[in-house]
Full PDB file with SEQRES, HELIX, SHEET, SSBOND, CRYST1, ORIGX, SCALE, CONECT and MASTER records, all heavy atoms in Angstrom:
SEQRES   1 A   40  LEU PHE GLY ALA GLY ALA GLY GLN GLY SER ILE LYS VAL          
SEQRES   2 A   40  TRP CYS ARG GLU HIS ARG ALA HIS HIS ARG TYR VAL ASP          
SEQRES   3 A   40  THR ASP GLN ASP PRO TYR ASN VAL ALA LYS GLY LEU PHE          
SEQRES   4 A   40  HIS                                                          
HELIX    1 AA1 ALA A    4  ALA A    6  5                                   3    
HELIX    2 AA2 ILE A   11  ARG A   23  1                                  13    
HELIX    3 AA3 VAL A   34  LYS A   36  5                                   3    
CRYST1    1.000    1.000    1.000  90.00  90.00  90.00 P 1           1          
ORIGX1      1.000000  0.000000  0.000000        0.00000                         
ORIGX2      0.000000  1.000000  0.000000        0.00000                         
ORIGX3      0.000000  0.000000  1.000000        0.00000                         
SCALE1      1.000000  0.000000  0.000000        0.00000                         
SCALE2      0.000000  1.000000  0.000000        0.00000                         
SCALE3      0.000000  0.000000  1.000000        0.00000                         
ATOM      1  N   LEU A   1       0.830  -1.211   0.000  1.00  0.00           N  
ATOM      2  CA  LEU A   1       0.000   0.000   0.000  1.00  0.00           C  
ATOM      3  C   LEU A   1       0.862   1.257   0.000  1.00  0.00           C  
ATOM      4  O   LEU A   1       0.702   2.140  -0.850  1.00  0.00           O  
ATOM      5  CB  LEU A   1      -0.925  -0.003   1.213  1.00  0.00           C  
ATOM      6  CG  LEU A   1      -2.137  -0.948   1.153  1.00  0.00           C  
ATOM      7  CD1 LEU A   1      -2.862  -0.982   2.487  1.00  0.00           C  
ATOM      8  CD2 LEU A   1      -3.098  -0.516   0.046  1.00  0.00           C  
ATOM      9  N   PHE A   2       1.778   1.350   0.965  1.00  0.00           N  
ATOM     10  CA  PHE A   2       2.598   2.565   1.049  1.00  0.00           C  
ATOM     11  C   PHE A   2       3.632   2.617  -0.070  1.00  0.00           C  
ATOM     12  O   PHE A   2       4.044   3.697  -0.483  1.00  0.00           O  
ATOM     13  CB  PHE A   2       3.264   2.641   2.429  1.00  0.00           C  
ATOM     14  CG  PHE A   2       2.351   3.153   3.494  1.00  0.00           C  
ATOM     15  CD1 PHE A   2       1.582   2.279   4.239  1.00  0.00           C  
ATOM     16  CD2 PHE A   2       2.231   4.517   3.737  1.00  0.00           C  
ATOM     17  CE1 PHE A   2       0.722   2.751   5.223  1.00  0.00           C  
ATOM     18  CE2 PHE A   2       1.378   4.997   4.712  1.00  0.00           C  
ATOM     19  CZ  PHE A   2       0.616   4.112   5.463  1.00  0.00           C  
ATOM     20  N   GLY A   3       4.042   1.454  -0.583  1.00  0.00           N  
ATOM     21  CA  GLY A   3       4.930   1.446  -1.744  1.00  0.00           C  
ATOM     22  C   GLY A   3       4.241   2.019  -2.970  1.00  0.00           C  
ATOM     23  O   GLY A   3       4.837   2.754  -3.753  1.00  0.00           O  
ATOM     24  N   ALA A   4       2.956   1.713  -3.126  1.00  0.00           N  
ATOM     25  CA  ALA A   4       2.182   2.291  -4.231  1.00  0.00           C  
ATOM     26  C   ALA A   4       2.120   3.803  -4.102  1.00  0.00           C  
ATOM     27  O   ALA A   4       2.140   4.539  -5.096  1.00  0.00           O  
ATOM     28  CB  ALA A   4       0.781   1.696  -4.249  1.00  0.00           C  
ATOM     29  N   GLY A   5       2.058   4.290  -2.849  1.00  0.00           N  
ATOM     30  CA  GLY A   5       1.997   5.732  -2.621  1.00  0.00           C  
ATOM     31  C   GLY A   5       3.273   6.463  -2.950  1.00  0.00           C  
ATOM     32  O   GLY A   5       3.277   7.694  -3.034  1.00  0.00           O  
ATOM     33  N   ALA A   6       4.374   5.731  -3.141  1.00  0.00           N  
ATOM     34  CA  ALA A   6       5.650   6.376  -3.476  1.00  0.00           C  
ATOM     35  C   ALA A   6       5.726   6.795  -4.941  1.00  0.00           C  
ATOM     36  O   ALA A   6       6.672   7.475  -5.347  1.00  0.00           O  
ATOM     37  CB  ALA A   6       6.808   5.441  -3.146  1.00  0.00           C  
ATOM     38  N   GLY A   7       4.761   6.360  -5.752  1.00  0.00           N  
ATOM     39  CA  GLY A   7       4.710   6.802  -7.147  1.00  0.00           C  
ATOM     40  C   GLY A   7       5.844   6.304  -8.008  1.00  0.00           C  
ATOM     41  O   GLY A   7       6.362   7.043  -8.859  1.00  0.00           O  
ATOM     42  N   GLN A   8       6.244   5.036  -7.821  1.00  0.00           N  
ATOM     43  CA  GLN A   8       7.341   4.482  -8.608  1.00  0.00           C  
ATOM     44  C   GLN A   8       6.925   3.244  -9.384  1.00  0.00           C  
ATOM     45  O   GLN A   8       7.777   2.449  -9.796  1.00  0.00           O  
ATOM     46  CB  GLN A   8       8.520   4.162  -7.671  1.00  0.00           C  
ATOM     47  CG  GLN A   8       9.070   5.391  -6.981  1.00  0.00           C  
ATOM     48  CD  GLN A   8      10.189   5.078  -6.009  1.00  0.00           C  
ATOM     49  OE1 GLN A   8      10.969   4.146  -6.229  1.00  0.00           O  
ATOM     50  NE2 GLN A   8      10.291   5.858  -4.944  1.00  0.00           N  
ATOM     51  N   GLY A   9       5.645   3.081  -9.596  1.00  0.00           N  
ATOM     52  CA  GLY A   9       5.155   1.942 -10.343  1.00  0.00           C  
ATOM     53  C   GLY A   9       4.784   0.799  -9.420  1.00  0.00           C  
ATOM     54  O   GLY A   9       4.978   0.846  -8.204  1.00  0.00           O  
ATOM     55  N   SER A  10       4.230  -0.235 -10.000  1.00  0.00           N  
ATOM     56  CA  SER A  10       3.813  -1.392  -9.221  1.00  0.00           C  
ATOM     57  C   SER A  10       5.022  -2.223  -8.808  1.00  0.00           C  
ATOM     58  O   SER A  10       6.115  -2.077  -9.360  1.00  0.00           O  
ATOM     59  CB  SER A  10       2.856  -2.263 -10.039  1.00  0.00           C  
ATOM     60  OG  SER A  10       3.545  -2.868 -11.120  1.00  0.00           O  
ATOM     61  N   ILE A  11       4.813  -3.104  -7.850  1.00  0.00           N  
ATOM     62  CA  ILE A  11       5.872  -4.019  -7.423  1.00  0.00           C  
ATOM     63  C   ILE A  11       6.398  -4.805  -8.615  1.00  0.00           C  
ATOM     64  O   ILE A  11       7.609  -4.944  -8.813  1.00  0.00           O  
ATOM     65  CB  ILE A  11       5.345  -4.994  -6.347  1.00  0.00           C  
ATOM     66  CG1 ILE A  11       4.902  -4.232  -5.112  1.00  0.00           C  
ATOM     67  CG2 ILE A  11       6.395  -6.044  -6.004  1.00  0.00           C  
ATOM     68  CD1 ILE A  11       4.105  -5.068  -4.131  1.00  0.00           C  
ATOM     69  N   LYS A  12       5.499  -5.301  -9.424  1.00  0.00           N  
ATOM     70  CA  LYS A  12       5.848  -6.161 -10.552  1.00  0.00           C  
ATOM     71  C   LYS A  12       6.766  -5.444 -11.541  1.00  0.00           C  
ATOM     72  O   LYS A  12       7.808  -5.970 -11.954  1.00  0.00           O  
ATOM     73  CB  LYS A  12       4.572  -6.635 -11.243  1.00  0.00           C  
ATOM     74  CG  LYS A  12       4.761  -7.697 -12.298  1.00  0.00           C  
ATOM     75  CD  LYS A  12       3.409  -8.145 -12.827  1.00  0.00           C  
ATOM     76  CE  LYS A  12       3.539  -9.232 -13.880  1.00  0.00           C  
ATOM     77  NZ  LYS A  12       2.201  -9.664 -14.370  1.00  0.00           N  
ATOM     78  N   VAL A  13       6.394  -4.223 -11.907  1.00  0.00           N  
ATOM     79  CA  VAL A  13       7.186  -3.460 -12.873  1.00  0.00           C  
ATOM     80  C   VAL A  13       8.505  -3.019 -12.255  1.00  0.00           C  
ATOM     81  O   VAL A  13       9.578  -3.131 -12.870  1.00  0.00           O  
ATOM     82  CB  VAL A  13       6.381  -2.238 -13.367  1.00  0.00           C  
ATOM     83  CG1 VAL A  13       7.264  -1.321 -14.206  1.00  0.00           C  
ATOM     84  CG2 VAL A  13       5.168  -2.687 -14.168  1.00  0.00           C  
ATOM     85  N   TRP A  14       8.453  -2.514 -11.022  1.00  0.00           N  
ATOM     86  CA  TRP A  14       9.652  -2.018 -10.339  1.00  0.00           C  
ATOM     87  C   TRP A  14      10.686  -3.124 -10.196  1.00  0.00           C  
ATOM     88  O   TRP A  14      11.876  -2.926 -10.490  1.00  0.00           O  
ATOM     89  CB  TRP A  14       9.247  -1.488  -8.972  1.00  0.00           C  
ATOM     90  CG  TRP A  14      10.217  -0.573  -8.288  1.00  0.00           C  
ATOM     91  CD1 TRP A  14      10.149   0.786  -8.225  1.00  0.00           C  
ATOM     92  CD2 TRP A  14      11.387  -0.951  -7.521  1.00  0.00           C  
ATOM     93  NE1 TRP A  14      11.200   1.281  -7.479  1.00  0.00           N  
ATOM     94  CE2 TRP A  14      11.978   0.234  -7.039  1.00  0.00           C  
ATOM     95  CE3 TRP A  14      11.991  -2.161  -7.210  1.00  0.00           C  
ATOM     96  CZ2 TRP A  14      13.129   0.249  -6.261  1.00  0.00           C  
ATOM     97  CZ3 TRP A  14      13.152  -2.170  -6.446  1.00  0.00           C  
ATOM     98  CH2 TRP A  14      13.701  -0.975  -5.972  1.00  0.00           C  
ATOM     99  N   CYS A  15      10.238  -4.281  -9.757  1.00  0.00           N  
ATOM    100  CA  CYS A  15      11.162  -5.393  -9.526  1.00  0.00           C  
ATOM    101  C   CYS A  15      11.720  -5.961 -10.825  1.00  0.00           C  
ATOM    102  O   CYS A  15      12.890  -6.370 -10.884  1.00  0.00           O  
ATOM    103  CB  CYS A  15      10.466  -6.499  -8.738  1.00  0.00           C  
ATOM    104  SG  CYS A  15      10.023  -6.018  -7.047  1.00  0.00           S  
ATOM    105  N   ARG A  16      10.905  -5.972 -11.871  1.00  0.00           N  
ATOM    106  CA  ARG A  16      11.403  -6.458 -13.152  1.00  0.00           C  
ATOM    107  C   ARG A  16      12.551  -5.574 -13.636  1.00  0.00           C  
ATOM    108  O   ARG A  16      13.593  -6.074 -14.086  1.00  0.00           O  
ATOM    109  CB  ARG A  16      10.284  -6.472 -14.190  1.00  0.00           C  
ATOM    110  CG  ARG A  16      10.728  -7.029 -15.559  1.00  0.00           C  
ATOM    111  CD  ARG A  16       9.587  -6.994 -16.552  1.00  0.00           C  
ATOM    112  NE  ARG A  16       9.202  -5.636 -16.871  1.00  0.00           N  
ATOM    113  CZ  ARG A  16       7.938  -5.210 -16.954  1.00  0.00           C  
ATOM    114  NH1 ARG A  16       6.945  -6.038 -16.710  1.00  0.00           N  
ATOM    115  NH2 ARG A  16       7.679  -3.955 -17.262  1.00  0.00           N  
ATOM    116  N   GLU A  17      12.373  -4.273 -13.532  1.00  0.00           N  
ATOM    117  CA  GLU A  17      13.424  -3.356 -13.963  1.00  0.00           C  
ATOM    118  C   GLU A  17      14.655  -3.471 -13.065  1.00  0.00           C  
ATOM    119  O   GLU A  17      15.795  -3.419 -13.534  1.00  0.00           O  
ATOM    120  CB  GLU A  17      12.888  -1.923 -13.962  1.00  0.00           C  
ATOM    121  CG  GLU A  17      11.856  -1.684 -15.059  1.00  0.00           C  
ATOM    122  CD  GLU A  17      11.134  -0.357 -14.901  1.00  0.00           C  
ATOM    123  OE1 GLU A  17      11.123   0.173 -13.764  1.00  0.00           O  
ATOM    124  OE2 GLU A  17      10.571   0.135 -15.897  1.00  0.00           O  
ATOM    125  N   HIS A  18      14.418  -3.658 -11.771  1.00  0.00           N  
ATOM    126  CA  HIS A  18      15.547  -3.723 -10.856  1.00  0.00           C  
ATOM    127  C   HIS A  18      16.337  -5.019 -11.037  1.00  0.00           C  
ATOM    128  O   HIS A  18      17.577  -5.017 -10.953  1.00  0.00           O  
ATOM    129  CB  HIS A  18      15.066  -3.603  -9.410  1.00  0.00           C  
ATOM    130  CG  HIS A  18      16.196  -3.443  -8.439  1.00  0.00           C  
ATOM    131  ND1 HIS A  18      16.955  -2.289  -8.364  1.00  0.00           N  
ATOM    132  CD2 HIS A  18      16.736  -4.294  -7.524  1.00  0.00           C  
ATOM    133  CE1 HIS A  18      17.889  -2.438  -7.450  1.00  0.00           C  
ATOM    134  NE2 HIS A  18      17.777  -3.645  -6.918  1.00  0.00           N  
ATOM    135  N   ARG A  19      15.661  -6.105 -11.272  1.00  0.00           N  
ATOM    136  CA  ARG A  19      16.374  -7.362 -11.527  1.00  0.00           C  
ATOM    137  C   ARG A  19      17.169  -7.272 -12.826  1.00  0.00           C  
ATOM    138  O   ARG A  19      18.274  -7.814 -12.930  1.00  0.00           O  
ATOM    139  CB  ARG A  19      15.381  -8.523 -11.573  1.00  0.00           C  
ATOM    140  CG  ARG A  19      14.808  -8.896 -10.216  1.00  0.00           C  
ATOM    141  CD  ARG A  19      13.812 -10.044 -10.299  1.00  0.00           C  
ATOM    142  NE  ARG A  19      13.244 -10.350  -8.988  1.00  0.00           N  
ATOM    143  CZ  ARG A  19      12.357 -11.312  -8.758  1.00  0.00           C  
ATOM    144  NH1 ARG A  19      11.932 -12.096  -9.757  1.00  0.00           N  
ATOM    145  NH2 ARG A  19      11.889 -11.518  -7.533  1.00  0.00           N  
ATOM    146  N   ALA A  20      16.612  -6.596 -13.822  1.00  0.00           N  
ATOM    147  CA  ALA A  20      17.351  -6.385 -15.075  1.00  0.00           C  
ATOM    148  C   ALA A  20      18.592  -5.531 -14.817  1.00  0.00           C  
ATOM    149  O   ALA A  20      19.661  -5.770 -15.383  1.00  0.00           O  
ATOM    150  CB  ALA A  20      16.454  -5.728 -16.116  1.00  0.00           C  
ATOM    151  N   HIS A  21      18.448  -4.538 -13.953  1.00  0.00           N  
ATOM    152  CA  HIS A  21      19.591  -3.689 -13.599  1.00  0.00           C  
ATOM    153  C   HIS A  21      20.712  -4.520 -12.992  1.00  0.00           C  
ATOM    154  O   HIS A  21      21.890  -4.363 -13.357  1.00  0.00           O  
ATOM    155  CB  HIS A  21      19.127  -2.615 -12.620  1.00  0.00           C  
ATOM    156  CG  HIS A  21      20.238  -1.911 -11.909  1.00  0.00           C  
ATOM    157  ND1 HIS A  21      21.165  -1.119 -12.553  1.00  0.00           N  
ATOM    158  CD2 HIS A  21      20.584  -1.889 -10.590  1.00  0.00           C  
ATOM    159  CE1 HIS A  21      22.019  -0.636 -11.682  1.00  0.00           C  
ATOM    160  NE2 HIS A  21      21.705  -1.093 -10.474  1.00  0.00           N  
ATOM    161  N   HIS A  22      20.385  -5.413 -12.069  1.00  0.00           N  
ATOM    162  CA  HIS A  22      21.413  -6.229 -11.428  1.00  0.00           C  
ATOM    163  C   HIS A  22      22.041  -7.215 -12.409  1.00  0.00           C  
ATOM    164  O   HIS A  22      23.256  -7.397 -12.413  1.00  0.00           O  
ATOM    165  CB  HIS A  22      20.809  -6.998 -10.245  1.00  0.00           C  
ATOM    166  CG  HIS A  22      20.894  -6.246  -8.953  1.00  0.00           C  
ATOM    167  ND1 HIS A  22      21.899  -6.433  -8.043  1.00  0.00           N  
ATOM    168  CD2 HIS A  22      20.092  -5.284  -8.436  1.00  0.00           C  
ATOM    169  CE1 HIS A  22      21.721  -5.637  -7.013  1.00  0.00           C  
ATOM    170  NE2 HIS A  22      20.626  -4.922  -7.217  1.00  0.00           N  
ATOM    171  N   ARG A  23      21.226  -7.816 -13.224  1.00  0.00           N  
ATOM    172  CA  ARG A  23      21.742  -8.846 -14.126  1.00  0.00           C  
ATOM    173  C   ARG A  23      22.593  -8.250 -15.235  1.00  0.00           C  
ATOM    174  O   ARG A  23      23.594  -8.847 -15.646  1.00  0.00           O  
ATOM    175  CB  ARG A  23      20.579  -9.637 -14.725  1.00  0.00           C  
ATOM    176  CG  ARG A  23      21.028 -10.775 -15.638  1.00  0.00           C  
ATOM    177  CD  ARG A  23      19.870 -11.626 -16.092  1.00  0.00           C  
ATOM    178  NE  ARG A  23      20.299 -12.706 -16.958  1.00  0.00           N  
ATOM    179  CZ  ARG A  23      19.489 -13.608 -17.499  1.00  0.00           C  
ATOM    180  NH1 ARG A  23      18.194 -13.553 -17.250  1.00  0.00           N  
ATOM    181  NH2 ARG A  23      19.963 -14.546 -18.287  1.00  0.00           N  
ATOM    182  N   TYR A  24      22.231  -7.061 -15.715  1.00  0.00           N  
ATOM    183  CA  TYR A  24      22.927  -6.470 -16.867  1.00  0.00           C  
ATOM    184  C   TYR A  24      23.577  -5.142 -16.504  1.00  0.00           C  
ATOM    185  O   TYR A  24      23.755  -4.278 -17.363  1.00  0.00           O  
ATOM    186  CB  TYR A  24      21.937  -6.252 -18.011  1.00  0.00           C  
ATOM    187  CG  TYR A  24      21.184  -7.497 -18.423  1.00  0.00           C  
ATOM    188  CD1 TYR A  24      19.872  -7.712 -17.997  1.00  0.00           C  
ATOM    189  CD2 TYR A  24      21.776  -8.467 -19.227  1.00  0.00           C  
ATOM    190  CE1 TYR A  24      19.171  -8.860 -18.377  1.00  0.00           C  
ATOM    191  CE2 TYR A  24      21.086  -9.612 -19.603  1.00  0.00           C  
ATOM    192  CZ  TYR A  24      19.786  -9.793 -19.173  1.00  0.00           C  
ATOM    193  OH  TYR A  24      19.106 -10.933 -19.545  1.00  0.00           O  
ATOM    194  N   VAL A  25      23.953  -4.971 -15.254  1.00  0.00           N  
ATOM    195  CA  VAL A  25      24.456  -3.686 -14.780  1.00  0.00           C  
ATOM    196  C   VAL A  25      25.574  -3.153 -15.664  1.00  0.00           C  
ATOM    197  O   VAL A  25      26.446  -3.896 -16.117  1.00  0.00           O  
ATOM    198  CB  VAL A  25      24.930  -3.810 -13.312  1.00  0.00           C  
ATOM    199  CG1 VAL A  25      26.102  -4.772 -13.178  1.00  0.00           C  
ATOM    200  CG2 VAL A  25      25.267  -2.459 -12.726  1.00  0.00           C  
ATOM    201  N   ASP A  26      25.501  -1.852 -15.935  1.00  0.00           N  
ATOM    202  CA  ASP A  26      26.510  -1.118 -16.710  1.00  0.00           C  
ATOM    203  C   ASP A  26      26.554  -1.515 -18.183  1.00  0.00           C  
ATOM    204  O   ASP A  26      27.553  -1.240 -18.864  1.00  0.00           O  
ATOM    205  CB  ASP A  26      27.908  -1.285 -16.102  1.00  0.00           C  
ATOM    206  CG  ASP A  26      27.985  -0.810 -14.660  1.00  0.00           C  
ATOM    207  OD1 ASP A  26      27.223   0.090 -14.294  1.00  0.00           O  
ATOM    208  OD2 ASP A  26      28.801  -1.351 -13.897  1.00  0.00           O  
ATOM    209  N   THR A  27      25.526  -2.176 -18.670  1.00  0.00           N  
ATOM    210  CA  THR A  27      25.451  -2.507 -20.095  1.00  0.00           C  
ATOM    211  C   THR A  27      24.236  -1.824 -20.700  1.00  0.00           C  
ATOM    212  O   THR A  27      23.419  -1.234 -19.997  1.00  0.00           O  
ATOM    213  CB  THR A  27      25.335  -4.028 -20.317  1.00  0.00           C  
ATOM    214  OG1 THR A  27      24.021  -4.472 -19.912  1.00  0.00           O  
ATOM    215  CG2 THR A  27      26.388  -4.778 -19.517  1.00  0.00           C  
ATOM    216  N   ASP A  28      24.104  -1.940 -22.005  1.00  0.00           N  
ATOM    217  CA  ASP A  28      22.977  -1.302 -22.690  1.00  0.00           C  
ATOM    218  C   ASP A  28      21.645  -1.954 -22.322  1.00  0.00           C  
ATOM    219  O   ASP A  28      20.588  -1.383 -22.566  1.00  0.00           O  
ATOM    220  CB  ASP A  28      23.189  -1.373 -24.203  1.00  0.00           C  
ATOM    221  CG  ASP A  28      22.454  -0.262 -24.934  1.00  0.00           C  
ATOM    222  OD1 ASP A  28      22.415   0.857 -24.403  1.00  0.00           O  
ATOM    223  OD2 ASP A  28      21.915  -0.523 -26.023  1.00  0.00           O  
ATOM    224  N   GLN A  29      21.696  -3.143 -21.724  1.00  0.00           N  
ATOM    225  CA  GLN A  29      20.472  -3.820 -21.321  1.00  0.00           C  
ATOM    226  C   GLN A  29      20.038  -3.445 -19.911  1.00  0.00           C  
ATOM    227  O   GLN A  29      18.985  -3.858 -19.455  1.00  0.00           O  
ATOM    228  CB  GLN A  29      20.671  -5.339 -21.416  1.00  0.00           C  
ATOM    229  CG  GLN A  29      20.827  -5.846 -22.837  1.00  0.00           C  
ATOM    230  CD  GLN A  29      21.095  -7.337 -22.875  1.00  0.00           C  
ATOM    231  OE1 GLN A  29      22.185  -7.809 -22.518  1.00  0.00           O  
ATOM    232  NE2 GLN A  29      20.111  -8.101 -23.297  1.00  0.00           N  
ATOM    233  N   ASP A  30      20.859  -2.663 -19.239  1.00  0.00           N  
ATOM    234  CA  ASP A  30      20.532  -2.134 -17.916  1.00  0.00           C  
ATOM    235  C   ASP A  30      19.591  -0.938 -18.110  1.00  0.00           C  
ATOM    236  O   ASP A  30      19.977   0.041 -18.744  1.00  0.00           O  
ATOM    237  CB  ASP A  30      21.822  -1.704 -17.229  1.00  0.00           C  
ATOM    238  CG  ASP A  30      21.610  -1.057 -15.870  1.00  0.00           C  
ATOM    239  OD1 ASP A  30      20.439  -0.885 -15.460  1.00  0.00           O  
ATOM    240  OD2 ASP A  30      22.611  -0.723 -15.218  1.00  0.00           O  
ATOM    241  N   PRO A  31      18.364  -0.978 -17.573  1.00  0.00           N  
ATOM    242  CA  PRO A  31      17.417   0.118 -17.821  1.00  0.00           C  
ATOM    243  C   PRO A  31      17.907   1.469 -17.325  1.00  0.00           C  
ATOM    244  O   PRO A  31      17.591   2.503 -17.911  1.00  0.00           O  
ATOM    245  CB  PRO A  31      16.148  -0.325 -17.078  1.00  0.00           C  
ATOM    246  CG  PRO A  31      16.568  -1.416 -16.168  1.00  0.00           C  
ATOM    247  CD  PRO A  31      17.768  -2.057 -16.782  1.00  0.00           C  
ATOM    248  N   TYR A  32      18.659   1.500 -16.228  1.00  0.00           N  
ATOM    249  CA  TYR A  32      19.221   2.779 -15.774  1.00  0.00           C  
ATOM    250  C   TYR A  32      20.735   2.724 -15.720  1.00  0.00           C  
ATOM    251  O   TYR A  32      21.362   2.977 -14.690  1.00  0.00           O  
ATOM    252  CB  TYR A  32      18.645   3.231 -14.431  1.00  0.00           C  
ATOM    253  CG  TYR A  32      18.090   2.178 -13.499  1.00  0.00           C  
ATOM    254  CD1 TYR A  32      18.853   1.588 -12.509  1.00  0.00           C  
ATOM    255  CD2 TYR A  32      16.743   1.807 -13.571  1.00  0.00           C  
ATOM    256  CE1 TYR A  32      18.326   0.672 -11.620  1.00  0.00           C  
ATOM    257  CE2 TYR A  32      16.208   0.872 -12.695  1.00  0.00           C  
ATOM    258  CZ  TYR A  32      16.997   0.306 -11.732  1.00  0.00           C  
ATOM    259  OH  TYR A  32      16.470  -0.616 -10.847  1.00  0.00           O  
ATOM    260  N   ASN A  33      21.297   2.414 -16.855  1.00  0.00           N  
ATOM    261  CA  ASN A  33      22.739   2.279 -17.036  1.00  0.00           C  
ATOM    262  C   ASN A  33      23.445   3.608 -16.786  1.00  0.00           C  
ATOM    263  O   ASN A  33      23.254   4.576 -17.515  1.00  0.00           O  
ATOM    264  CB  ASN A  33      23.009   1.783 -18.462  1.00  0.00           C  
ATOM    265  CG  ASN A  33      24.483   1.623 -18.747  1.00  0.00           C  
ATOM    266  OD1 ASN A  33      25.313   1.636 -17.853  1.00  0.00           O  
ATOM    267  ND2 ASN A  33      24.816   1.476 -20.022  1.00  0.00           N  
ATOM    268  N   VAL A  34      24.295   3.660 -15.751  1.00  0.00           N  
ATOM    269  CA  VAL A  34      24.986   4.900 -15.406  1.00  0.00           C  
ATOM    270  C   VAL A  34      26.003   5.293 -16.472  1.00  0.00           C  
ATOM    271  O   VAL A  34      26.425   6.461 -16.532  1.00  0.00           O  
ATOM    272  CB  VAL A  34      25.657   4.772 -14.024  1.00  0.00           C  
ATOM    273  CG1 VAL A  34      26.914   3.912 -14.115  1.00  0.00           C  
ATOM    274  CG2 VAL A  34      25.975   6.126 -13.421  1.00  0.00           C  
ATOM    275  N   ALA A  35      26.412   4.353 -17.321  1.00  0.00           N  
ATOM    276  CA  ALA A  35      27.353   4.673 -18.387  1.00  0.00           C  
ATOM    277  C   ALA A  35      26.762   5.677 -19.377  1.00  0.00           C  
ATOM    278  O   ALA A  35      27.497   6.331 -20.116  1.00  0.00           O  
ATOM    279  CB  ALA A  35      27.768   3.399 -19.121  1.00  0.00           C  
ATOM    280  N   LYS A  36      25.435   5.805 -19.379  1.00  0.00           N  
ATOM    281  CA  LYS A  36      24.778   6.784 -20.242  1.00  0.00           C  
ATOM    282  C   LYS A  36      24.679   8.156 -19.592  1.00  0.00           C  
ATOM    283  O   LYS A  36      24.090   9.070 -20.161  1.00  0.00           O  
ATOM    284  CB  LYS A  36      23.382   6.279 -20.609  1.00  0.00           C  
ATOM    285  CG  LYS A  36      23.381   5.011 -21.458  1.00  0.00           C  
ATOM    286  CD  LYS A  36      21.969   4.590 -21.827  1.00  0.00           C  
ATOM    287  CE  LYS A  36      21.970   3.347 -22.696  1.00  0.00           C  
ATOM    288  NZ  LYS A  36      20.594   2.922 -23.072  1.00  0.00           N  
ATOM    289  N   GLY A  37      25.239   8.294 -18.409  1.00  0.00           N  
ATOM    290  CA  GLY A  37      25.256   9.593 -17.743  1.00  0.00           C  
ATOM    291  C   GLY A  37      24.374   9.633 -16.507  1.00  0.00           C  
ATOM    292  O   GLY A  37      23.444   8.840 -16.349  1.00  0.00           O  
ATOM    293  N   LEU A  38      24.687  10.568 -15.611  1.00  0.00           N  
ATOM    294  CA  LEU A  38      23.938  10.700 -14.370  1.00  0.00           C  
ATOM    295  C   LEU A  38      22.471  11.044 -14.616  1.00  0.00           C  
ATOM    296  O   LEU A  38      21.586  10.550 -13.916  1.00  0.00           O  
ATOM    297  CB  LEU A  38      24.572  11.783 -13.493  1.00  0.00           C  
ATOM    298  CG  LEU A  38      25.736  11.356 -12.591  1.00  0.00           C  
ATOM    299  CD1 LEU A  38      26.276  12.547 -11.821  1.00  0.00           C  
ATOM    300  CD2 LEU A  38      25.291  10.270 -11.630  1.00  0.00           C  
ATOM    301  N   PHE A  39      22.215  11.904 -15.590  1.00  0.00           N  
ATOM    302  CA  PHE A  39      20.829  12.297 -15.848  1.00  0.00           C  
ATOM    303  C   PHE A  39      19.995  11.092 -16.272  1.00  0.00           C  
ATOM    304  O   PHE A  39      18.870  10.896 -15.789  1.00  0.00           O  
ATOM    305  CB  PHE A  39      20.765  13.385 -16.931  1.00  0.00           C  
ATOM    306  CG  PHE A  39      19.350  13.793 -17.275  1.00  0.00           C  
ATOM    307  CD1 PHE A  39      18.649  14.665 -16.464  1.00  0.00           C  
ATOM    308  CD2 PHE A  39      18.714  13.290 -18.410  1.00  0.00           C  
ATOM    309  CE1 PHE A  39      17.340  15.030 -16.763  1.00  0.00           C  
ATOM    310  CE2 PHE A  39      17.413  13.645 -18.719  1.00  0.00           C  
ATOM    311  CZ  PHE A  39      16.725  14.522 -17.897  1.00  0.00           C  
ATOM    312  N   HIS A  40      20.550  10.276 -17.162  1.00  0.00           N  
ATOM    313  CA  HIS A  40      19.812   9.098 -17.614  1.00  0.00           C  
ATOM    314  C   HIS A  40      19.554   8.148 -16.458  1.00  0.00           C  
ATOM    315  O   HIS A  40      18.430   7.657 -16.279  1.00  0.00           O  
ATOM    316  CB  HIS A  40      20.586   8.364 -18.705  1.00  0.00           C  
ATOM    317  CG  HIS A  40      19.992   7.029 -19.059  1.00  0.00           C  
ATOM    318  ND1 HIS A  40      18.945   6.897 -19.947  1.00  0.00           N  
ATOM    319  CD2 HIS A  40      20.279   5.768 -18.622  1.00  0.00           C  
ATOM    320  CE1 HIS A  40      18.619   5.617 -20.048  1.00  0.00           C  
ATOM    321  NE2 HIS A  40      19.414   4.908 -19.251  1.00  0.00           N  
TER     322      HIS A  40                                                      
MASTER        0    0    0    3    0    0    0    6  321    1    0    4          
END                                                                             
């Protein structure tokens, strides 16, 4: 409930993106790849 109130998407979507981040960290398959810059 309170996680939904944080405005960061559902558990399902958030966790899918986060697991992708861990598995493909620092690559083009990382959804928030820091190699593309801090803003990205």
